[in-house]
Amino acid sequence: MYKREYEGWMKHMDFILIDMLCLQLAFCLAYVIRNHDINPYTVLVYRNIALYIELVDVIVIFSIGTLKGVLRRGHYKEFLITVKHTVVVEALALLYLFVFQRSEDFSRSVMLYLTLLYPLFSYFTRELWKAFLKKKENLVAGQSLLLVTSSDIAKNVVDNVRKHNYAGYYLVGIVLLDQDMTGRKICGIPVVANAKTAPIYVCQKWVDEVLVIPSETTPYPGELMKQLEETGVTVHMNLTKTVNETGKKKFVEKIGNYTVLTTSMNYATAGELLVKRLMDILGGLVGCLLTGVIFLFVAPMIYISSPGPIFFAQERVGENGKRFKIYKFRSMYMDAEERKKELMSRNEMQGLMFKMEADPRIIGSGSNGTKKGLGWFIRKTSLDEFPQFWNVLKGDMSLVGTRPPTVDEWNQYDYHHRARMAIKPGITGMWQVSGRSDITDFEEVVKLDKEYIENWNIGLDIKILLKTVLVVFKGVGSK
């Protein structure tokens, strides 16, 4: 799912934090200059204003687009935008004092000093941070970009993207359309595939987006474009080579100096995905607190029933192939992974996912297939999933998404299977609330996951979360 604007905001979160720090530093210094006291927070009206202006600062940053295109701006334009931002923040601060009739308790000199100091601090620190980021191109790389081009212009394409890399892309590799140079490097970037093997590479590696820039002499790579779009990866195609095709959502934008047609399964605005991330942070914090409480009761029971680690950690595949470690309360015996190979012949799920209704690896399983024991209890009540709230808080997962596959499963994915990982994996999702115990066909899981991605909105996430609560309580009640 495409989210360039959102990734820009997330990548510029450091600018927001720096600006908030500059504002508070300017406020404290203004207070010191006026009152010769180093702690303004002991006075109620100053403490309230200190908190208020920080809130206003963040709101103004998003509402007037203070950081939009921040890496592209010159010194003069940066200064003008900083002054504009300061004027709006100060005006709202004065409005607060007027509305709550606290202007007589707040020194006008402090407000004047703040108006002078804040833009200076903000401007110079922002310029220094921009210079630092431009020298460290890949230090804050968020989105991995695969370049698909021709050998005669490959060097120019790499130079262009690097020179105008305002989105902070991490160049993961190059695919050449007209010859096979796999294993070699162009401008320090490895050539990782050719036109035939590119979709396989995308299916097995971490690739967020693909930029396709063929030379004028290279034919339009129609078959490759279809295969790439089938994987669910966001594809940017140079407009000079585009072909009118129906299907996924398309829009025009610029990457470097190239005007491209972007194709994606869905598009989410910065506001929508910011709300989703805030929901994840709030849910992650609450979930981690609950995990701590559950740990006090569950941990001793797990250790007594099956001595060993309390938590189960496993490498999983996340958004667009990015690897991460998922955490759960251990509900299986220590040799569960080894025994899985022996049980593959009894897999009840058709396709690339393992599932057994009476899995003997679960703690407490009886020899006759009975499902009474600690492992079954914490799985039935979904208590084993609670440590994943730490994954949500870290940003590896979301509250709602698609379930992350194991590395072995991921390596067997076909092109259309990969599309289900075009977003962050979630603790719950469309599959879980659509009768997960009744679905035995992996293709049906893929269909539900793609349906979720293509129709995603905040309302859908809330609906799934509410359904998840009902499903869990229903499961507990039926025990």
Protein backbone atom coordinates (compact mmCIF):
# COMPACT_ATOMS: atom_id res chain seq x y z
CA MET A 1 0.00 0.00 0.00
CA TYR A 2 1.42 3.34 -1.02
CA LYS A 3 2.16 5.88 1.70
CA ARG A 4 4.92 8.16 0.49
CA GLU A 5 3.56 11.24 2.28
CA TYR A 6 3.20 9.34 5.56
CA GLU A 7 6.70 7.89 5.36
CA GLY A 8 7.93 11.45 4.85
CA TRP A 9 6.28 12.53 8.09
CA MET A 10 7.62 9.52 9.97
CA LYS A 11 11.09 10.10 8.58
CA HIS A 12 10.84 13.76 9.64
CA MET A 13 9.73 12.92 13.16
CA ASP A 14 13.25 13.89 14.22
CA PHE A 15 12.59 17.41 12.88
CA ILE A 16 9.41 17.59 14.96
CA LEU A 17 11.21 16.51 18.13
CA ILE A 18 14.05 18.98 17.48
CA ASP A 19 11.55 21.80 16.93
CA MET A 20 9.71 20.97 20.15
CA LEU A 21 13.01 20.97 22.03
CA CYS A 22 13.99 24.33 20.52
CA LEU A 23 10.65 25.83 21.51
CA GLN A 24 10.99 24.68 25.10
CA LEU A 25 14.61 25.82 25.29
CA ALA A 26 13.65 29.25 23.94
CA PHE A 27 10.79 29.46 26.44
CA CYS A 28 13.06 28.64 29.40
CA LEU A 29 15.75 31.04 28.26
CA ALA A 30 13.18 33.83 27.76
CA TYR A 31 11.98 33.24 31.32
CA VAL A 32 15.55 33.30 32.69
CA ILE A 33 16.36 36.58 30.91
CA ARG A 34 13.21 38.25 32.25
CA ASN A 35 12.96 36.83 35.80
CA HIS A 36 16.52 35.68 36.54
CA ASP A 37 15.12 32.31 37.59
CA ILE A 38 16.02 29.02 35.90
CA ASN A 39 12.77 27.11 36.50
CA PRO A 40 9.59 28.51 34.91
CA TYR A 41 7.66 25.32 35.66
CA THR A 42 7.18 26.19 39.34
CA VAL A 43 4.69 28.92 38.31
CA LEU A 44 1.31 27.50 37.27
CA VAL A 45 0.59 29.90 34.40
CA TYR A 46 4.06 29.36 32.89
CA ARG A 47 3.82 25.59 33.30
CA ASN A 48 0.46 25.57 31.52
CA ILE A 49 1.77 27.75 28.71
CA ALA A 50 4.84 25.51 28.32
CA LEU A 51 2.61 22.49 27.75
CA TYR A 52 0.13 24.39 25.59
CA ILE A 53 2.70 25.77 23.13
CA GLU A 54 4.19 22.30 22.60
CA LEU A 55 0.76 20.97 21.65
CA VAL A 56 0.15 23.96 19.42
CA ASP A 57 3.59 23.53 17.82
CA VAL A 58 2.79 19.97 16.66
CA ILE A 59 -0.69 20.95 15.43
CA VAL A 60 0.69 23.89 13.44
CA ILE A 61 3.44 21.72 11.90
CA PHE A 62 0.80 19.40 10.44
CA SER A 63 -1.89 21.99 9.65
CA ILE A 64 0.24 24.46 7.65
CA GLY A 65 2.76 21.92 6.34
CA THR A 66 5.82 23.39 8.05
CA LEU A 67 7.98 20.37 7.23
CA LYS A 68 6.58 19.59 3.78
CA GLY A 69 9.54 19.38 1.41
CA VAL A 70 11.91 20.38 4.21
CA LEU A 71 14.94 18.68 2.61
CA ARG A 72 14.38 20.49 -0.69
CA ARG A 73 14.14 24.02 0.69
CA GLY A 74 16.90 26.57 0.40
CA HIS A 75 18.15 28.73 3.29
CA TYR A 76 15.98 31.75 2.47
CA LYS A 77 12.75 29.78 2.04
CA GLU A 78 13.51 27.84 5.21
CA PHE A 79 13.83 31.10 7.13
CA LEU A 80 10.54 32.48 5.79
CA ILE A 81 8.66 29.27 6.69
CA THR A 82 10.23 29.27 10.17
CA VAL A 83 9.08 32.86 10.75
CA LYS A 84 5.57 32.03 9.49
CA HIS A 85 5.43 29.02 11.82
CA THR A 86 6.58 31.15 14.78
CA VAL A 87 3.96 33.84 14.12
CA VAL A 88 1.14 31.26 14.10
CA VAL A 89 2.37 29.55 17.31
CA GLU A 90 2.81 32.89 19.13
CA ALA A 91 -0.60 34.12 17.99
CA LEU A 92 -2.28 31.00 19.36
CA ALA A 93 -0.34 31.38 22.63
CA LEU A 94 -1.58 34.97 22.99
CA LEU A 95 -5.11 33.81 22.20
CA TYR A 96 -4.85 31.27 25.03
CA LEU A 97 -3.79 33.98 27.50
CA PHE A 98 -6.60 36.26 26.36
CA VAL A 99 -9.37 33.63 26.42
CA PHE A 100 -8.41 32.34 29.87
CA GLN A 101 -7.70 35.87 31.13
CA ARG A 102 -4.16 35.07 32.23
CA SER A 103 -2.37 37.78 30.24
CA GLU A 104 -1.82 39.88 33.38
CA ASP A 105 -0.02 36.96 35.06
CA PHE A 106 2.27 36.34 32.09
CA SER A 107 5.16 38.70 31.31
CA ARG A 108 5.00 40.41 27.90
CA SER A 109 8.79 40.47 27.92
CA VAL A 110 8.92 36.67 28.11
CA MET A 111 6.63 36.45 25.07
CA LEU A 112 8.79 38.97 23.21
CA TYR A 113 12.03 37.13 23.98
CA LEU A 114 10.36 33.85 23.02
CA THR A 115 9.31 35.34 19.66
CA LEU A 116 12.91 36.31 18.96
CA LEU A 117 14.71 33.24 20.28
CA TYR A 118 12.45 30.44 19.03
CA PRO A 119 12.77 31.09 15.26
CA LEU A 120 16.54 31.49 15.58
CA PHE A 121 16.96 28.21 17.49
CA SER A 122 14.54 26.39 15.19
CA TYR A 123 16.07 27.70 11.96
CA PHE A 124 19.70 26.99 12.77
CA THR A 125 19.14 23.54 14.29
CA ARG A 126 16.93 22.55 11.34
CA GLU A 127 19.59 23.67 8.86
CA LEU A 128 22.30 21.78 10.74
CA TRP A 129 20.19 18.63 10.88
CA LYS A 130 19.41 18.85 7.15
CA ALA A 131 23.11 19.14 6.36
CA PHE A 132 23.81 16.11 8.55
CA LEU A 133 21.11 14.01 6.87
CA LYS A 134 22.27 14.90 3.37
CA LYS A 135 25.77 13.68 4.22
CA LYS A 136 24.35 10.45 5.63
CA GLU A 137 22.03 9.46 2.78
CA ASN A 138 21.17 5.99 4.06
CA LEU A 139 21.29 6.71 7.78
CA VAL A 140 17.55 7.38 8.02
CA ALA A 141 16.48 5.27 5.06
CA GLY A 142 12.95 4.09 5.58
CA GLN A 143 11.73 2.85 2.20
CA SER A 144 13.86 0.38 0.24
CA LEU A 145 13.89 1.13 -3.50
CA LEU A 146 14.74 -1.31 -6.29
CA LEU A 147 15.87 0.33 -9.54
CA VAL A 148 14.83 -1.32 -12.82
CA THR A 149 16.58 0.21 -15.80
CA SER A 150 18.79 -0.40 -18.85
CA SER A 151 22.54 -0.84 -18.82
CA ASP A 152 23.23 2.25 -20.98
CA ILE A 153 21.52 4.67 -18.56
CA ALA A 154 21.91 2.79 -15.24
CA LYS A 155 24.69 5.08 -13.97
CA ASN A 156 22.67 8.21 -14.77
CA VAL A 157 19.57 6.81 -13.03
CA VAL A 158 21.53 5.99 -9.86
CA ASP A 159 23.18 9.43 -9.85
CA ASN A 160 19.83 11.14 -10.39
CA VAL A 161 18.06 9.32 -7.56
CA ARG A 162 20.98 9.89 -5.19
CA LYS A 163 21.20 13.59 -6.04
CA HIS A 164 17.48 14.19 -5.57
CA ASN A 165 16.81 11.61 -2.85
CA TYR A 166 14.48 13.86 -0.86
CA ALA A 167 12.35 10.90 0.23
CA GLY A 168 15.37 9.23 1.84
CA TYR A 169 15.23 6.02 -0.18
CA TYR A 170 17.59 3.14 0.56
CA LEU A 171 18.78 1.82 -2.81
CA VAL A 172 18.58 -1.92 -2.31
CA GLY A 173 19.71 -3.00 -5.78
CA ILE A 174 19.52 -2.68 -9.56
CA VAL A 175 17.73 -4.83 -12.15
CA LEU A 176 18.91 -4.53 -15.76
CA LEU A 177 16.31 -5.13 -18.48
CA ASP A 178 18.64 -5.64 -21.44
CA GLN A 179 21.41 -7.87 -20.05
CA ASP A 180 22.39 -10.04 -17.11
CA MET A 181 25.03 -8.45 -14.86
CA THR A 182 23.88 -10.10 -11.62
CA GLY A 183 26.62 -10.01 -9.00
CA ARG A 184 28.33 -6.91 -10.35
CA LYS A 185 27.96 -3.33 -9.10
CA ILE A 186 27.04 -0.02 -10.70
CA CYS A 187 28.05 3.11 -8.73
CA GLY A 188 28.40 0.90 -5.65
CA ILE A 189 24.86 -0.51 -5.95
CA PRO A 190 24.68 -4.29 -6.57
CA VAL A 191 22.93 -5.66 -9.66
CA VAL A 192 20.62 -8.19 -8.02
CA ALA A 193 18.56 -9.61 -10.90
CA ASN A 194 17.60 -9.44 -14.56
CA ALA A 195 14.19 -9.01 -16.20
CA LYS A 196 13.26 -12.68 -15.66
CA THR A 197 14.45 -13.07 -12.07
CA ALA A 198 13.34 -9.64 -10.76
CA PRO A 199 9.87 -10.80 -9.54
CA ILE A 200 11.48 -13.68 -7.64
CA TYR A 201 13.91 -11.25 -5.98
CA VAL A 202 11.01 -8.97 -4.97
CA CYS A 203 9.17 -11.96 -3.49
CA GLN A 204 12.11 -13.03 -1.33
CA LYS A 205 13.77 -9.77 -0.27
CA TRP A 206 12.81 -6.55 1.49
CA VAL A 207 11.57 -4.26 -1.30
CA ASP A 208 9.08 -1.46 -0.55
CA GLU A 209 8.99 0.22 -3.95
CA VAL A 210 10.27 -0.30 -7.49
CA LEU A 211 11.33 2.51 -9.85
CA VAL A 212 11.25 1.49 -13.52
CA ILE A 213 13.26 3.77 -15.87
CA PRO A 214 13.98 2.03 -19.20
CA SER A 215 16.07 3.76 -21.88
CA GLU A 216 14.44 5.02 -25.08
CA THR A 217 15.72 2.00 -27.00
CA THR A 218 14.39 -0.56 -24.51
CA PRO A 219 10.88 -1.94 -25.18
CA TYR A 220 8.15 -1.46 -22.58
CA PRO A 221 8.55 -4.34 -20.03
CA GLY A 222 4.88 -5.26 -20.00
CA GLU A 223 5.17 -8.77 -18.59
CA LEU A 224 7.55 -7.66 -15.84
CA MET A 225 5.22 -4.79 -14.88
CA LYS A 226 2.29 -7.21 -14.54
CA GLN A 227 4.31 -9.57 -12.37
CA LEU A 228 5.59 -6.74 -10.14
CA GLU A 229 2.10 -5.32 -9.68
CA GLU A 230 0.82 -8.81 -8.84
CA THR A 231 3.28 -8.97 -5.91
CA GLY A 232 1.63 -5.92 -4.33
CA VAL A 233 4.81 -3.83 -4.34
CA THR A 234 4.41 -0.14 -5.20
CA VAL A 235 5.70 0.44 -8.75
CA HIS A 236 6.80 3.78 -10.23
CA MET A 237 7.06 3.82 -14.04
CA ASN A 238 8.66 6.60 -16.07
CA LEU A 239 5.78 8.36 -17.85
CA THR A 240 7.55 8.21 -21.19
CA LYS A 241 7.13 4.42 -21.15
CA THR A 242 3.69 4.00 -19.57
CA VAL A 243 0.93 1.97 -21.13
CA ASN A 244 -2.74 2.56 -20.33
CA GLU A 245 -3.92 -0.40 -18.26
CA THR A 246 -6.88 -0.83 -15.96
CA GLY A 247 -6.53 -2.28 -12.50
CA LYS A 248 -4.87 -0.91 -9.42
CA LYS A 249 -4.81 2.70 -8.25
CA LYS A 250 -2.55 4.99 -10.26
CA PHE A 251 -1.37 8.58 -9.90
CA VAL A 252 1.39 10.82 -11.19
CA GLU A 253 4.26 12.12 -9.04
CA LYS A 254 7.97 12.88 -9.15
CA ILE A 255 10.87 10.73 -7.96
CA GLY A 256 14.17 12.52 -8.35
CA ASN A 257 13.85 14.38 -11.65
CA TYR A 258 11.65 11.69 -13.15
CA THR A 259 7.90 12.11 -13.60
CA VAL A 260 6.43 8.68 -12.94
CA LEU A 261 3.12 6.89 -12.90
CA THR A 262 2.77 5.13 -9.54
CA THR A 263 0.74 1.94 -9.25
CA SER A 264 -0.32 0.56 -5.88
CA MET A 265 -2.96 -1.66 -4.28
CA ASN A 266 -4.26 1.29 -2.29
CA TYR A 267 -3.30 4.79 -1.20
CA ALA A 268 -3.38 6.19 2.32
CA THR A 269 -2.98 9.85 3.21
CA ALA A 270 -0.57 11.11 5.85
CA GLY A 271 -3.45 11.89 8.19
CA GLU A 272 -5.00 8.43 7.90
CA LEU A 273 -1.79 6.56 8.58
CA LEU A 274 -0.78 8.95 11.32
CA VAL A 275 -4.06 8.12 13.09
CA LYS A 276 -3.35 4.40 12.53
CA ARG A 277 0.12 4.76 14.05
CA LEU A 278 -1.23 6.73 17.03
CA MET A 279 -3.79 3.95 17.57
CA ASP A 280 -0.93 1.44 17.48
CA ILE A 281 1.13 3.41 19.99
CA LEU A 282 -1.80 3.78 22.38
CA GLY A 283 -2.80 0.12 21.96
CA GLY A 284 0.83 -0.97 22.26
CA LEU A 285 1.30 0.89 25.55
CA VAL A 286 -1.89 -0.53 27.06
CA GLY A 287 -1.10 -3.99 25.71
CA CYS A 288 2.43 -3.96 27.16
CA LEU A 289 1.08 -3.02 30.59
CA LEU A 290 -1.43 -5.88 30.41
CA THR A 291 1.36 -8.20 29.23
CA GLY A 292 3.31 -7.38 32.39
CA VAL A 293 0.33 -8.26 34.58
CA ILE A 294 -0.37 -11.48 32.64
CA PHE A 295 3.31 -12.44 32.90
CA LEU A 296 3.10 -12.58 36.71
CA PHE A 297 0.50 -15.35 36.49
CA VAL A 298 1.32 -17.15 33.26
CA ALA A 299 5.13 -17.30 33.51
CA PRO A 300 5.30 -19.69 36.52
CA MET A 301 2.63 -21.92 34.98
CA ILE A 302 4.51 -22.18 31.67
CA TYR A 303 7.79 -23.00 33.39
CA ILE A 304 6.21 -25.67 35.59
CA SER A 305 4.34 -27.27 32.69
CA SER A 306 7.31 -27.15 30.31
CA PRO A 307 10.65 -25.94 31.73
CA GLY A 308 12.35 -23.47 29.45
CA PRO A 309 11.98 -19.86 28.19
CA ILE A 310 8.70 -18.11 28.99
CA PHE A 311 8.71 -16.19 25.73
CA PHE A 312 8.83 -17.64 22.23
CA ALA A 313 10.77 -15.55 19.68
CA GLN A 314 10.83 -16.33 15.98
CA GLU A 315 11.97 -14.51 12.85
CA ARG A 316 9.01 -13.55 10.72
CA VAL A 317 8.54 -11.62 7.49
CA GLY A 318 6.85 -8.24 7.77
CA GLU A 319 5.89 -5.41 5.46
CA ASN A 320 7.27 -5.89 1.94
CA GLY A 321 9.66 -8.62 3.08
CA LYS A 322 11.30 -6.82 6.01
CA ARG A 323 12.42 -9.36 8.65
CA PHE A 324 11.71 -8.94 12.35
CA LYS A 325 11.41 -11.03 15.53
CA ILE A 326 7.91 -11.77 16.76
CA TYR A 327 7.28 -12.47 20.45
CA LYS A 328 4.68 -14.68 22.14
CA PHE A 329 4.12 -16.42 25.44
CA ARG A 330 5.35 -19.95 24.76
CA SER A 331 2.39 -22.28 24.37
CA MET A 332 4.28 -25.20 22.80
CA TYR A 333 6.89 -27.65 24.00
CA MET A 334 10.54 -26.78 23.44
CA ASP A 335 10.95 -29.16 20.47
CA ALA A 336 7.93 -27.80 18.60
CA GLU A 337 9.84 -26.55 15.56
CA GLU A 338 11.67 -29.86 15.08
CA ARG A 339 8.44 -31.84 15.41
CA LYS A 340 6.71 -29.62 12.85
CA LYS A 341 8.64 -31.34 10.04
CA GLU A 342 7.28 -34.71 11.15
CA LEU A 343 3.72 -33.37 11.24
CA MET A 344 3.67 -31.69 7.82
CA SER A 345 1.85 -34.68 6.33
CA ARG A 346 -1.02 -33.96 8.76
CA ASN A 347 -1.27 -30.27 7.83
CA GLU A 348 -4.96 -29.33 7.62
CA MET A 349 -4.34 -26.05 5.76
CA GLN A 350 -4.25 -26.24 1.98
CA GLY A 351 -1.30 -24.13 0.86
CA LEU A 352 1.64 -22.29 2.40
CA MET A 353 0.57 -22.26 6.05
CA PHE A 354 0.66 -24.92 8.77
CA LYS A 355 -2.37 -25.70 10.92
CA MET A 356 -3.50 -28.67 13.01
CA GLU A 357 -6.73 -28.75 14.98
CA ALA A 358 -5.26 -31.15 17.59
CA ASP A 359 -1.60 -30.11 17.47
CA PRO A 360 0.36 -32.44 19.84
CA ARG A 361 3.14 -29.85 20.20
CA ILE A 362 0.95 -27.61 22.36
CA ILE A 363 1.63 -27.81 26.10
CA GLY A 364 -0.89 -30.08 27.80
CA SER A 365 -1.93 -32.04 24.72
CA GLY A 366 -3.00 -35.58 25.49
CA SER A 367 -1.79 -38.62 23.58
CA ASN A 368 -5.35 -39.20 22.32
CA GLY A 369 -5.64 -35.69 20.89
CA THR A 370 -7.34 -34.06 23.88
CA LYS A 371 -7.03 -30.27 24.03
CA LYS A 372 -6.98 -29.61 27.77
CA GLY A 373 -3.94 -27.96 29.26
CA LEU A 374 -2.13 -24.67 29.78
CA GLY A 375 -1.04 -24.30 26.16
CA TRP A 376 -4.55 -24.76 24.86
CA PHE A 377 -5.94 -22.33 27.45
CA ILE A 378 -3.61 -19.44 26.62
CA ARG A 379 -4.14 -19.99 22.89
CA LYS A 380 -7.92 -20.22 23.24
CA THR A 381 -7.98 -16.97 25.22
CA SER A 382 -5.31 -15.39 22.95
CA LEU A 383 -3.11 -14.68 25.98
CA ASP A 384 -0.12 -16.00 24.03
CA GLU A 385 -0.45 -13.07 21.60
CA PHE A 386 -0.02 -10.30 24.21
CA PRO A 387 3.79 -9.95 23.92
CA GLN A 388 3.21 -8.90 20.31
CA PHE A 389 2.05 -5.53 21.64
CA TRP A 390 5.79 -4.87 22.04
CA ASN A 391 6.16 -5.51 18.29
CA VAL A 392 3.33 -3.03 17.72
CA LEU A 393 4.96 -0.40 19.92
CA LYS A 394 8.29 -0.86 18.10
CA GLY A 395 6.60 -0.43 14.73
CA ASP A 396 7.27 -3.94 13.38
CA MET A 397 3.55 -4.71 13.53
CA SER A 398 0.20 -2.98 13.75
CA LEU A 399 -2.89 -3.74 15.81
CA VAL A 400 -4.71 -4.68 12.59
CA GLY A 401 -3.04 -6.14 9.52
CA THR A 402 -2.17 -9.51 8.02
CA ARG A 403 -0.52 -12.34 9.93
CA PRO A 404 3.26 -12.47 9.31
CA PRO A 405 4.53 -15.67 7.64
CA THR A 406 7.60 -17.60 8.70
CA VAL A 407 10.70 -17.28 6.53
CA ASP A 408 10.17 -20.80 5.14
CA GLU A 409 6.59 -19.97 4.12
CA TRP A 410 7.66 -16.64 2.60
CA ASN A 411 10.33 -18.27 0.46
CA GLN A 412 7.66 -20.46 -1.14
CA TYR A 413 5.30 -17.58 -1.97
CA ASP A 414 4.15 -17.03 -5.53
CA TYR A 415 3.81 -13.46 -6.86
CA HIS A 416 0.19 -12.95 -5.79
CA HIS A 417 0.88 -14.38 -2.30
CA ARG A 418 3.42 -11.63 -1.65
CA ALA A 419 0.70 -8.98 -2.06
CA ARG A 420 -0.73 -9.89 1.37
CA MET A 421 2.42 -8.42 2.96
CA ALA A 422 2.10 -5.02 1.26
CA ILE A 423 1.30 -3.59 4.71
CA LYS A 424 2.54 -4.09 8.25
CA PRO A 425 1.46 -7.41 9.76
CA GLY A 426 -1.07 -7.22 12.58
CA ILE A 427 -2.06 -8.95 15.78
CA THR A 428 -5.53 -9.34 14.30
CA GLY A 429 -7.03 -8.94 10.85
CA MET A 430 -9.73 -9.82 8.35
CA TRP A 431 -8.86 -13.52 8.45
CA GLN A 432 -9.06 -13.80 12.24
CA VAL A 433 -12.54 -12.27 12.45
CA SER A 434 -13.88 -14.17 9.44
CA GLY A 435 -13.90 -17.59 11.10
CA ARG A 436 -10.21 -18.50 11.24
CA SER A 437 -10.98 -21.98 12.59
CA ASP A 438 -13.18 -22.72 9.56
CA ILE A 439 -10.76 -21.56 6.84
CA THR A 440 -8.49 -24.34 5.62
CA ASP A 441 -7.48 -22.92 2.24
CA PHE A 442 -4.48 -20.55 2.19
CA GLU A 443 -5.75 -18.98 -1.03
CA GLU A 444 -8.84 -17.88 0.90
CA VAL A 445 -6.58 -16.28 3.51
CA VAL A 446 -4.72 -14.42 0.74
CA LYS A 447 -8.03 -13.28 -0.74
CA LEU A 448 -9.22 -11.89 2.60
CA ASP A 449 -5.89 -10.16 3.24
CA LYS A 450 -5.86 -8.52 -0.19
CA GLU A 451 -9.47 -7.45 0.31
CA TYR A 452 -8.43 -5.77 3.56
CA ILE A 453 -5.52 -3.91 1.91
CA GLU A 454 -7.54 -2.75 -1.10
CA ASN A 455 -10.40 -1.47 1.06
CA TRP A 456 -8.40 -0.22 4.03
CA ASN A 457 -9.54 2.76 6.08
CA ILE A 458 -9.55 3.69 9.77
CA GLY A 459 -13.19 2.66 10.11
CA LEU A 460 -12.38 -0.83 8.87
CA ASP A 461 -9.59 -1.18 11.47
CA ILE A 462 -11.96 -0.15 14.27
CA LYS A 463 -14.58 -2.60 13.01
CA ILE A 464 -12.05 -5.46 12.98
CA LEU A 465 -10.80 -4.57 16.48
CA LEU A 466 -14.36 -4.68 17.83
CA LYS A 467 -15.03 -7.98 16.08
CA THR A 468 -11.78 -9.38 17.49
CA VAL A 469 -12.93 -8.63 21.05
CA LEU A 470 -16.21 -10.44 20.35
CA VAL A 471 -14.40 -13.44 18.79
CA VAL A 472 -12.05 -13.75 21.80
CA PHE A 473 -14.86 -13.52 24.35
CA LYS A 474 -16.91 -16.00 22.33
CA GLY A 475 -13.95 -18.39 22.38
CA VAL A 476 -13.55 -18.03 26.13
CA GLY A 477 -17.25 -18.55 26.68
CA SER A 478 -17.30 -21.72 24.60
CA LYS A 479 -14.45 -23.29 26.54
